[in-house]
Amino acid sequence: MLSGVVRGTFVAWAFHSAQPYLLALLDDDKIWVVGAITALMSLSTILGNQVVEVFTRHCGRRSTIILGGSVVATVASVTMGLNGSFWVATVAFLAVTGSLGVISPVRHAYVHHVAPSAHRPASCPGRDLCGAGASPRRPCRVVPPDGGRGRGSTGVSYIP
């Protein structure tokens, strides 16, 4: 589960730092390039999601797909950082987002397979659980939806 938090943190950092890095490699301030790369990033993630079914037919284990996707993301990240060409760095960045598009649904399927449905929300990574809307001023906690008065499944509640 810790890998999901680390991966999510890296993706957030990479997304925001890649934009000025790619513009610096381009040696131009054409901001529309960032919009085009962001759109291509979305398409590469969608493409990664679409090829998961093909990979699961040929790879019998989820761990093989996750490990392969992680290797591709790592090699592409290093290539992007060590490279001085805008085009190679852009293709490497799209390879990173495409591989993360493969890894994410496989990892989620693994969590759903391993964790019983009653405990599933409590076993999700903290980034997935609290990332949307939580902040230091509005932290969240895992509580039963009925406030602990009965037999409910675990949910997320914001601390007032």
N, C-alpha and C. Protein backbone atom coordinates (compact mmCIF):
# COMPACT_ATOMS: atom_id res chain seq x y z
N MET A 1 0.81 -1.19 0.00
CA MET A 1 0.00 0.00 0.00
C MET A 1 0.86 1.26 0.00
N LEU A 2 2.02 1.16 0.59
CA LEU A 2 2.92 2.32 0.63
C LEU A 2 3.36 2.71 -0.78
N SER A 3 3.47 1.73 -1.67
CA SER A 3 3.90 2.05 -3.03
C SER A 3 2.91 2.98 -3.72
N GLY A 4 1.63 2.86 -3.40
CA GLY A 4 0.63 3.75 -4.00
C GLY A 4 0.83 5.19 -3.58
N VAL A 5 1.19 5.41 -2.33
CA VAL A 5 1.42 6.77 -1.84
C VAL A 5 2.69 7.33 -2.49
N VAL A 6 3.74 6.53 -2.56
CA VAL A 6 4.99 6.98 -3.17
C VAL A 6 4.77 7.28 -4.65
N ARG A 7 4.08 6.40 -5.34
CA ARG A 7 3.81 6.59 -6.76
C ARG A 7 2.96 7.84 -6.98
N GLY A 8 1.95 8.02 -6.18
CA GLY A 8 1.09 9.19 -6.31
C GLY A 8 1.83 10.49 -6.07
N THR A 9 2.71 10.48 -5.09
CA THR A 9 3.51 11.66 -4.81
C THR A 9 4.45 11.96 -5.97
N PHE A 10 5.07 10.92 -6.51
CA PHE A 10 5.96 11.11 -7.65
C PHE A 10 5.20 11.63 -8.87
N VAL A 11 4.03 11.10 -9.13
CA VAL A 11 3.25 11.54 -10.29
C VAL A 11 2.87 13.02 -10.14
N ALA A 12 2.44 13.42 -8.96
CA ALA A 12 2.07 14.82 -8.74
C ALA A 12 3.27 15.73 -8.93
N TRP A 13 4.41 15.32 -8.39
CA TRP A 13 5.62 16.12 -8.54
C TRP A 13 6.05 16.15 -10.00
N ALA A 14 6.05 15.01 -10.66
CA ALA A 14 6.50 14.93 -12.05
C ALA A 14 5.61 15.75 -12.97
N PHE A 15 4.31 15.72 -12.73
CA PHE A 15 3.40 16.47 -13.59
C PHE A 15 3.69 17.96 -13.51
N HIS A 16 3.86 18.47 -12.31
CA HIS A 16 4.06 19.90 -12.14
C HIS A 16 5.48 20.35 -12.48
N SER A 17 6.46 19.50 -12.30
CA SER A 17 7.83 19.91 -12.63
C SER A 17 8.17 19.65 -14.09
N ALA A 18 7.45 18.77 -14.76
CA ALA A 18 7.74 18.47 -16.16
C ALA A 18 7.39 19.65 -17.06
N GLN A 19 6.38 20.38 -16.72
CA GLN A 19 5.95 21.49 -17.58
C GLN A 19 7.05 22.55 -17.76
N PRO A 20 7.60 23.13 -16.69
CA PRO A 20 8.68 24.10 -16.91
C PRO A 20 9.95 23.46 -17.47
N TYR A 21 10.19 22.20 -17.11
CA TYR A 21 11.38 21.50 -17.62
C TYR A 21 11.29 21.34 -19.14
N LEU A 22 10.14 20.92 -19.63
CA LEU A 22 9.98 20.73 -21.07
C LEU A 22 10.01 22.07 -21.81
N LEU A 23 9.44 23.12 -21.21
CA LEU A 23 9.53 24.44 -21.84
C LEU A 23 10.98 24.94 -21.88
N ALA A 24 11.74 24.63 -20.85
CA ALA A 24 13.16 25.02 -20.84
C ALA A 24 13.93 24.26 -21.92
N LEU A 25 13.60 22.98 -22.11
CA LEU A 25 14.25 22.22 -23.17
C LEU A 25 13.86 22.74 -24.55
N LEU A 26 12.64 23.19 -24.68
CA LEU A 26 12.17 23.75 -25.95
C LEU A 26 12.82 25.11 -26.21
N ASP A 27 13.25 25.76 -25.13
CA ASP A 27 13.88 27.08 -25.19
C ASP A 27 12.93 28.12 -25.79
N ASP A 28 11.69 28.03 -25.35
CA ASP A 28 10.67 28.96 -25.82
C ASP A 28 9.60 29.07 -24.73
N ASP A 29 8.85 30.15 -24.73
CA ASP A 29 7.79 30.35 -23.74
C ASP A 29 6.40 30.13 -24.32
N LYS A 30 6.29 29.23 -25.26
CA LYS A 30 4.98 28.93 -25.86
C LYS A 30 4.18 28.08 -24.88
N ILE A 31 3.30 28.72 -24.15
CA ILE A 31 2.54 28.03 -23.10
C ILE A 31 1.56 27.01 -23.67
N TRP A 32 1.15 27.18 -24.92
CA TRP A 32 0.23 26.23 -25.53
C TRP A 32 0.88 24.85 -25.67
N VAL A 33 2.22 24.80 -25.67
CA VAL A 33 2.92 23.53 -25.74
C VAL A 33 2.62 22.69 -24.49
N VAL A 34 2.56 23.36 -23.34
CA VAL A 34 2.23 22.66 -22.09
C VAL A 34 0.83 22.08 -22.17
N GLY A 35 -0.12 22.83 -22.72
CA GLY A 35 -1.48 22.32 -22.89
C GLY A 35 -1.52 21.12 -23.81
N ALA A 36 -0.76 21.18 -24.90
CA ALA A 36 -0.72 20.04 -25.83
C ALA A 36 -0.10 18.82 -25.17
N ILE A 37 0.97 19.01 -24.41
CA ILE A 37 1.61 17.88 -23.72
C ILE A 37 0.68 17.30 -22.66
N THR A 38 -0.06 18.15 -21.97
CA THR A 38 -1.01 17.66 -20.97
C THR A 38 -2.11 16.85 -21.64
N ALA A 39 -2.58 17.28 -22.79
CA ALA A 39 -3.59 16.51 -23.52
C ALA A 39 -3.01 15.17 -23.98
N LEU A 40 -1.77 15.18 -24.47
CA LEU A 40 -1.12 13.93 -24.87
C LEU A 40 -0.89 13.01 -23.67
N MET A 41 -0.61 13.62 -22.52
CA MET A 41 -0.44 12.82 -21.31
C MET A 41 -1.74 12.09 -20.96
N SER A 42 -2.86 12.79 -21.08
CA SER A 42 -4.15 12.16 -20.82
C SER A 42 -4.40 11.02 -21.81
N LEU A 43 -4.08 11.25 -23.06
CA LEU A 43 -4.27 10.20 -24.07
C LEU A 43 -3.35 9.00 -23.82
N SER A 44 -2.12 9.24 -23.39
CA SER A 44 -1.23 8.11 -23.13
C SER A 44 -1.68 7.31 -21.91
N THR A 45 -2.25 7.99 -20.93
CA THR A 45 -2.79 7.28 -19.76
C THR A 45 -3.99 6.44 -20.17
N ILE A 46 -4.85 6.99 -21.02
CA ILE A 46 -6.01 6.24 -21.52
C ILE A 46 -5.54 5.04 -22.34
N LEU A 47 -4.54 5.24 -23.17
CA LEU A 47 -3.99 4.13 -23.95
C LEU A 47 -3.43 3.06 -23.03
N GLY A 48 -2.73 3.47 -21.97
CA GLY A 48 -2.23 2.51 -20.99
C GLY A 48 -3.35 1.72 -20.34
N ASN A 49 -4.46 2.39 -20.02
CA ASN A 49 -5.63 1.70 -19.47
C ASN A 49 -6.20 0.69 -20.46
N GLN A 50 -6.17 1.03 -21.73
CA GLN A 50 -6.77 0.16 -22.75
C GLN A 50 -5.94 -1.10 -23.01
N VAL A 51 -4.62 -1.03 -22.85
CA VAL A 51 -3.80 -2.21 -23.12
C VAL A 51 -3.68 -3.15 -21.93
N VAL A 52 -4.28 -2.79 -20.80
CA VAL A 52 -4.24 -3.67 -19.63
C VAL A 52 -4.86 -5.02 -19.95
N GLU A 53 -5.97 -5.03 -20.66
CA GLU A 53 -6.64 -6.29 -21.00
C GLU A 53 -5.74 -7.18 -21.85
N VAL A 54 -5.02 -6.59 -22.78
CA VAL A 54 -4.10 -7.36 -23.62
C VAL A 54 -2.99 -7.96 -22.77
N PHE A 55 -2.43 -7.15 -21.87
CA PHE A 55 -1.36 -7.64 -21.01
C PHE A 55 -1.84 -8.73 -20.06
N THR A 56 -3.05 -8.61 -19.55
CA THR A 56 -3.54 -9.63 -18.61
C THR A 56 -3.80 -10.96 -19.32
N ARG A 57 -4.08 -10.92 -20.61
CA ARG A 57 -4.22 -12.18 -21.36
C ARG A 57 -2.90 -12.90 -21.50
N HIS A 58 -1.80 -12.16 -21.63
CA HIS A 58 -0.49 -12.76 -21.88
C HIS A 58 0.34 -12.94 -20.61
N CYS A 59 0.04 -12.19 -19.57
CA CYS A 59 0.74 -12.32 -18.29
C CYS A 59 -0.24 -12.85 -17.27
N GLY A 60 0.06 -13.96 -16.69
CA GLY A 60 -0.87 -14.57 -15.74
C GLY A 60 -0.87 -13.91 -14.37
N ARG A 61 0.12 -13.12 -14.07
CA ARG A 61 0.23 -12.56 -12.73
C ARG A 61 0.19 -11.04 -12.76
N ARG A 62 -0.52 -10.48 -11.79
CA ARG A 62 -0.58 -9.02 -11.68
C ARG A 62 0.79 -8.43 -11.35
N SER A 63 1.54 -9.15 -10.54
CA SER A 63 2.85 -8.64 -10.12
C SER A 63 3.78 -8.46 -11.32
N THR A 64 3.67 -9.32 -12.32
CA THR A 64 4.50 -9.19 -13.52
C THR A 64 4.16 -7.91 -14.27
N ILE A 65 2.88 -7.60 -14.38
CA ILE A 65 2.46 -6.39 -15.08
C ILE A 65 2.89 -5.15 -14.29
N ILE A 66 2.71 -5.17 -12.98
CA ILE A 66 3.10 -4.03 -12.15
C ILE A 66 4.61 -3.83 -12.20
N LEU A 67 5.37 -4.91 -12.11
CA LEU A 67 6.83 -4.80 -12.16
C LEU A 67 7.29 -4.30 -13.53
N GLY A 68 6.72 -4.83 -14.59
CA GLY A 68 7.09 -4.38 -15.94
C GLY A 68 6.76 -2.91 -16.15
N GLY A 69 5.58 -2.50 -15.72
CA GLY A 69 5.20 -1.09 -15.83
C GLY A 69 6.10 -0.19 -15.01
N SER A 70 6.49 -0.66 -13.84
CA SER A 70 7.39 0.13 -12.99
C SER A 70 8.77 0.28 -13.62
N VAL A 71 9.25 -0.79 -14.27
CA VAL A 71 10.54 -0.72 -14.95
C VAL A 71 10.48 0.29 -16.10
N VAL A 72 9.40 0.22 -16.89
CA VAL A 72 9.24 1.16 -18.00
C VAL A 72 9.18 2.60 -17.48
N ALA A 73 8.41 2.84 -16.42
CA ALA A 73 8.29 4.18 -15.85
C ALA A 73 9.63 4.68 -15.31
N THR A 74 10.39 3.81 -14.67
CA THR A 74 11.69 4.20 -14.12
C THR A 74 12.68 4.54 -15.22
N VAL A 75 12.79 3.67 -16.23
CA VAL A 75 13.72 3.92 -17.33
C VAL A 75 13.33 5.19 -18.08
N ALA A 76 12.04 5.38 -18.31
CA ALA A 76 11.58 6.58 -19.02
C ALA A 76 11.83 7.83 -18.18
N SER A 77 11.66 7.75 -16.87
CA SER A 77 11.91 8.91 -15.99
C SER A 77 13.39 9.29 -16.01
N VAL A 78 14.26 8.30 -15.95
CA VAL A 78 15.70 8.58 -15.99
C VAL A 78 16.08 9.15 -17.36
N THR A 79 15.51 8.58 -18.42
CA THR A 79 15.78 9.09 -19.77
C THR A 79 15.34 10.54 -19.89
N MET A 80 14.19 10.85 -19.35
CA MET A 80 13.69 12.22 -19.41
C MET A 80 14.61 13.18 -18.67
N GLY A 81 15.11 12.77 -17.53
CA GLY A 81 15.96 13.65 -16.74
C GLY A 81 17.36 13.83 -17.28
N LEU A 82 17.91 12.78 -17.88
CA LEU A 82 19.29 12.86 -18.36
C LEU A 82 19.41 13.38 -19.79
N ASN A 83 18.30 13.59 -20.42
CA ASN A 83 18.27 13.93 -21.83
C ASN A 83 18.26 15.45 -22.01
N GLY A 84 18.78 15.90 -23.12
CA GLY A 84 18.77 17.33 -23.40
C GLY A 84 17.87 17.70 -24.57
N SER A 85 17.15 16.74 -25.10
CA SER A 85 16.29 16.98 -26.26
C SER A 85 14.83 17.08 -25.83
N PHE A 86 14.15 18.10 -26.31
CA PHE A 86 12.74 18.29 -26.00
C PHE A 86 11.91 17.10 -26.46
N TRP A 87 12.15 16.64 -27.68
CA TRP A 87 11.32 15.58 -28.25
C TRP A 87 11.52 14.25 -27.53
N VAL A 88 12.75 13.90 -27.22
CA VAL A 88 13.01 12.64 -26.50
C VAL A 88 12.43 12.72 -25.09
N ALA A 89 12.58 13.86 -24.44
CA ALA A 89 12.02 14.02 -23.09
C ALA A 89 10.50 13.95 -23.11
N THR A 90 9.88 14.50 -24.15
CA THR A 90 8.42 14.44 -24.25
C THR A 90 7.94 13.02 -24.44
N VAL A 91 8.60 12.28 -25.33
CA VAL A 91 8.23 10.87 -25.55
C VAL A 91 8.46 10.06 -24.27
N ALA A 92 9.54 10.34 -23.55
CA ALA A 92 9.80 9.64 -22.29
C ALA A 92 8.73 9.96 -21.26
N PHE A 93 8.32 11.22 -21.19
CA PHE A 93 7.26 11.61 -20.26
C PHE A 93 5.95 10.90 -20.60
N LEU A 94 5.64 10.78 -21.88
CA LEU A 94 4.43 10.07 -22.29
C LEU A 94 4.54 8.58 -22.00
N ALA A 95 5.75 8.03 -22.08
CA ALA A 95 5.94 6.63 -21.70
C ALA A 95 5.70 6.43 -20.21
N VAL A 96 6.13 7.39 -19.40
CA VAL A 96 5.88 7.32 -17.95
C VAL A 96 4.38 7.31 -17.68
N THR A 97 3.66 8.26 -18.27
CA THR A 97 2.22 8.34 -17.99
C THR A 97 1.47 7.15 -18.57
N GLY A 98 1.92 6.63 -19.71
CA GLY A 98 1.29 5.44 -20.27
C GLY A 98 1.50 4.22 -19.39
N SER A 99 2.72 4.07 -18.86
CA SER A 99 2.98 2.93 -17.99
C SER A 99 2.21 3.05 -16.68
N LEU A 100 2.04 4.27 -16.18
CA LEU A 100 1.23 4.45 -14.98
C LEU A 100 -0.24 4.17 -15.27
N GLY A 101 -0.66 4.40 -16.51
CA GLY A 101 -2.01 4.02 -16.92
C GLY A 101 -2.21 2.52 -16.92
N VAL A 102 -1.15 1.77 -17.11
CA VAL A 102 -1.22 0.31 -17.04
C VAL A 102 -1.19 -0.15 -15.58
N ILE A 103 -0.30 0.43 -14.79
CA ILE A 103 -0.10 -0.02 -13.42
C ILE A 103 -1.33 0.24 -12.55
N SER A 104 -1.94 1.39 -12.68
CA SER A 104 -3.00 1.80 -11.76
C SER A 104 -4.19 0.84 -11.71
N PRO A 105 -4.81 0.46 -12.83
CA PRO A 105 -5.94 -0.46 -12.71
C PRO A 105 -5.55 -1.85 -12.23
N VAL A 106 -4.34 -2.27 -12.54
CA VAL A 106 -3.88 -3.58 -12.07
C VAL A 106 -3.69 -3.55 -10.56
N ARG A 107 -3.12 -2.47 -10.05
CA ARG A 107 -2.93 -2.33 -8.60
C ARG A 107 -4.27 -2.27 -7.89
N HIS A 108 -5.22 -1.53 -8.46
CA HIS A 108 -6.55 -1.44 -7.84
C HIS A 108 -7.25 -2.80 -7.85
N ALA A 109 -7.10 -3.55 -8.94
CA ALA A 109 -7.69 -4.89 -8.99
C ALA A 109 -7.07 -5.79 -7.93
N TYR A 110 -5.78 -5.65 -7.70
CA TYR A 110 -5.11 -6.43 -6.67
C TYR A 110 -5.67 -6.10 -5.29
N VAL A 111 -5.84 -4.82 -4.99
CA VAL A 111 -6.39 -4.41 -3.69
C VAL A 111 -7.80 -4.97 -3.53
N HIS A 112 -8.61 -4.90 -4.57
CA HIS A 112 -9.98 -5.41 -4.48
C HIS A 112 -10.01 -6.93 -4.34
N HIS A 113 -9.01 -7.60 -4.86
CA HIS A 113 -8.95 -9.05 -4.73
C HIS A 113 -8.49 -9.47 -3.33
N VAL A 114 -7.52 -8.76 -2.79
CA VAL A 114 -6.92 -9.14 -1.51
C VAL A 114 -7.75 -8.69 -0.32
N ALA A 115 -8.26 -7.46 -0.36
CA ALA A 115 -8.97 -6.90 0.79
C ALA A 115 -10.45 -7.23 0.72
N PRO A 116 -11.05 -7.73 1.79
CA PRO A 116 -12.49 -7.95 1.81
C PRO A 116 -13.23 -6.63 1.63
N SER A 117 -14.40 -6.67 1.05
CA SER A 117 -15.11 -5.43 0.73
C SER A 117 -15.41 -4.59 1.97
N ALA A 118 -15.63 -5.19 3.12
CA ALA A 118 -15.91 -4.42 4.33
C ALA A 118 -14.69 -3.64 4.81
N HIS A 119 -13.50 -4.11 4.46
CA HIS A 119 -12.27 -3.46 4.92
C HIS A 119 -11.57 -2.69 3.81
N ARG A 120 -12.10 -2.71 2.63
CA ARG A 120 -11.42 -2.12 1.49
C ARG A 120 -11.14 -0.63 1.64
N PRO A 121 -12.08 0.21 2.05
CA PRO A 121 -11.73 1.64 2.18
C PRO A 121 -10.63 1.89 3.20
N ALA A 122 -10.57 1.08 4.25
CA ALA A 122 -9.55 1.28 5.27
C ALA A 122 -8.18 0.83 4.79
N SER A 123 -8.12 0.00 3.73
CA SER A 123 -6.83 -0.50 3.26
C SER A 123 -6.31 0.27 2.07
N CYS A 124 -7.03 1.29 1.60
CA CYS A 124 -6.57 2.09 0.47
C CYS A 124 -5.46 3.03 0.91
N PRO A 125 -4.56 3.38 0.01
CA PRO A 125 -3.49 4.31 0.38
C PRO A 125 -4.04 5.65 0.84
N GLY A 126 -3.30 6.31 1.71
CA GLY A 126 -3.73 7.59 2.26
C GLY A 126 -3.99 8.64 1.20
N ARG A 127 -3.21 8.63 0.12
CA ARG A 127 -3.39 9.61 -0.93
C ARG A 127 -4.74 9.42 -1.59
N ASP A 128 -5.13 8.18 -1.86
CA ASP A 128 -6.42 7.91 -2.48
C ASP A 128 -7.56 8.21 -1.51
N LEU A 129 -7.32 7.95 -0.23
CA LEU A 129 -8.37 8.09 0.76
C LEU A 129 -8.64 9.55 1.11
N CYS A 130 -7.60 10.32 1.27
CA CYS A 130 -7.75 11.67 1.81
C CYS A 130 -7.35 12.76 0.82
N GLY A 131 -6.91 12.40 -0.35
CA GLY A 131 -6.37 13.38 -1.28
C GLY A 131 -7.38 14.37 -1.79
N ALA A 132 -8.61 14.01 -1.94
CA ALA A 132 -9.60 14.90 -2.55
C ALA A 132 -10.34 15.68 -1.46
N GLY A 133 -9.80 16.80 -1.10
CA GLY A 133 -10.52 17.66 -0.16
C GLY A 133 -9.91 17.78 1.21
N ALA A 134 -9.02 16.90 1.58
CA ALA A 134 -8.41 17.00 2.90
C ALA A 134 -7.27 17.99 2.87
N SER A 135 -7.03 18.62 3.97
CA SER A 135 -5.94 19.57 4.09
C SER A 135 -5.57 19.66 5.56
N PRO A 136 -4.49 20.37 5.91
CA PRO A 136 -4.17 20.51 7.33
C PRO A 136 -5.30 21.17 8.12
N ARG A 137 -6.07 22.04 7.46
CA ARG A 137 -7.19 22.66 8.16
C ARG A 137 -8.44 21.80 8.13
N ARG A 138 -8.47 20.84 7.20
CA ARG A 138 -9.63 19.97 7.08
C ARG A 138 -9.15 18.53 6.91
N PRO A 139 -8.58 17.93 7.96
CA PRO A 139 -8.08 16.56 7.84
C PRO A 139 -9.23 15.56 7.78
N CYS A 140 -8.90 14.34 7.40
CA CYS A 140 -9.95 13.33 7.34
C CYS A 140 -9.55 12.13 8.19
N ARG A 141 -10.52 11.32 8.48
CA ARG A 141 -10.29 10.10 9.26
C ARG A 141 -11.22 9.03 8.71
N VAL A 142 -10.90 7.79 9.01
CA VAL A 142 -11.71 6.67 8.56
C VAL A 142 -12.67 6.33 9.69
N VAL A 143 -13.97 6.42 9.41
CA VAL A 143 -15.00 6.13 10.41
C VAL A 143 -16.15 5.39 9.75
N PRO A 144 -16.93 4.66 10.53
CA PRO A 144 -18.16 4.08 9.97
C PRO A 144 -19.11 5.20 9.56
N PRO A 145 -19.83 5.05 8.45
CA PRO A 145 -20.73 6.11 7.99
C PRO A 145 -21.82 6.46 8.99
N ASP A 146 -22.19 5.50 9.83
CA ASP A 146 -23.25 5.78 10.80
C ASP A 146 -22.69 6.33 12.11
N GLY A 147 -21.44 6.73 12.13
CA GLY A 147 -20.85 7.32 13.32
C GLY A 147 -20.46 6.31 14.37
N GLY A 148 -20.39 5.04 14.03
CA GLY A 148 -19.99 4.02 14.98
C GLY A 148 -21.13 3.43 15.79
N ARG A 149 -22.38 3.73 15.42
CA ARG A 149 -23.52 3.25 16.20
C ARG A 149 -24.01 1.88 15.74
N GLY A 150 -23.57 1.42 14.59
CA GLY A 150 -24.08 0.14 14.10
C GLY A 150 -23.07 -0.57 13.25
N ARG A 151 -23.56 -1.51 12.45
CA ARG A 151 -22.69 -2.29 11.59
C ARG A 151 -22.68 -1.70 10.19
N GLY A 152 -21.87 -0.73 9.97
CA GLY A 152 -21.75 -0.13 8.64
C GLY A 152 -20.38 -0.41 8.08
N SER A 153 -20.23 -0.24 6.79
CA SER A 153 -18.91 -0.39 6.20
C SER A 153 -18.11 0.86 6.52
N THR A 154 -16.81 0.72 6.49
CA THR A 154 -15.94 1.84 6.81
C THR A 154 -15.98 2.87 5.72
N GLY A 155 -15.95 4.15 6.08
CA GLY A 155 -15.97 5.22 5.09
C GLY A 155 -15.01 6.31 5.48
N VAL A 156 -15.04 7.39 4.74
CA VAL A 156 -14.18 8.54 5.00
C VAL A 156 -15.03 9.68 5.50
N SER A 157 -14.59 10.33 6.54
CA SER A 157 -15.31 11.47 7.07
C SER A 157 -14.31 12.59 7.32
N TYR A 158 -14.70 13.81 7.05
CA TYR A 158 -13.84 14.94 7.34
C TYR A 158 -14.06 15.38 8.78
N ILE A 159 -12.95 15.68 9.44
CA ILE A 159 -13.01 16.13 10.84
C ILE A 159 -13.47 17.58 10.83
N PRO A 160 -14.54 17.92 11.53
CA PRO A 160 -15.05 19.31 11.50
C PRO A 160 -14.09 20.27 12.17
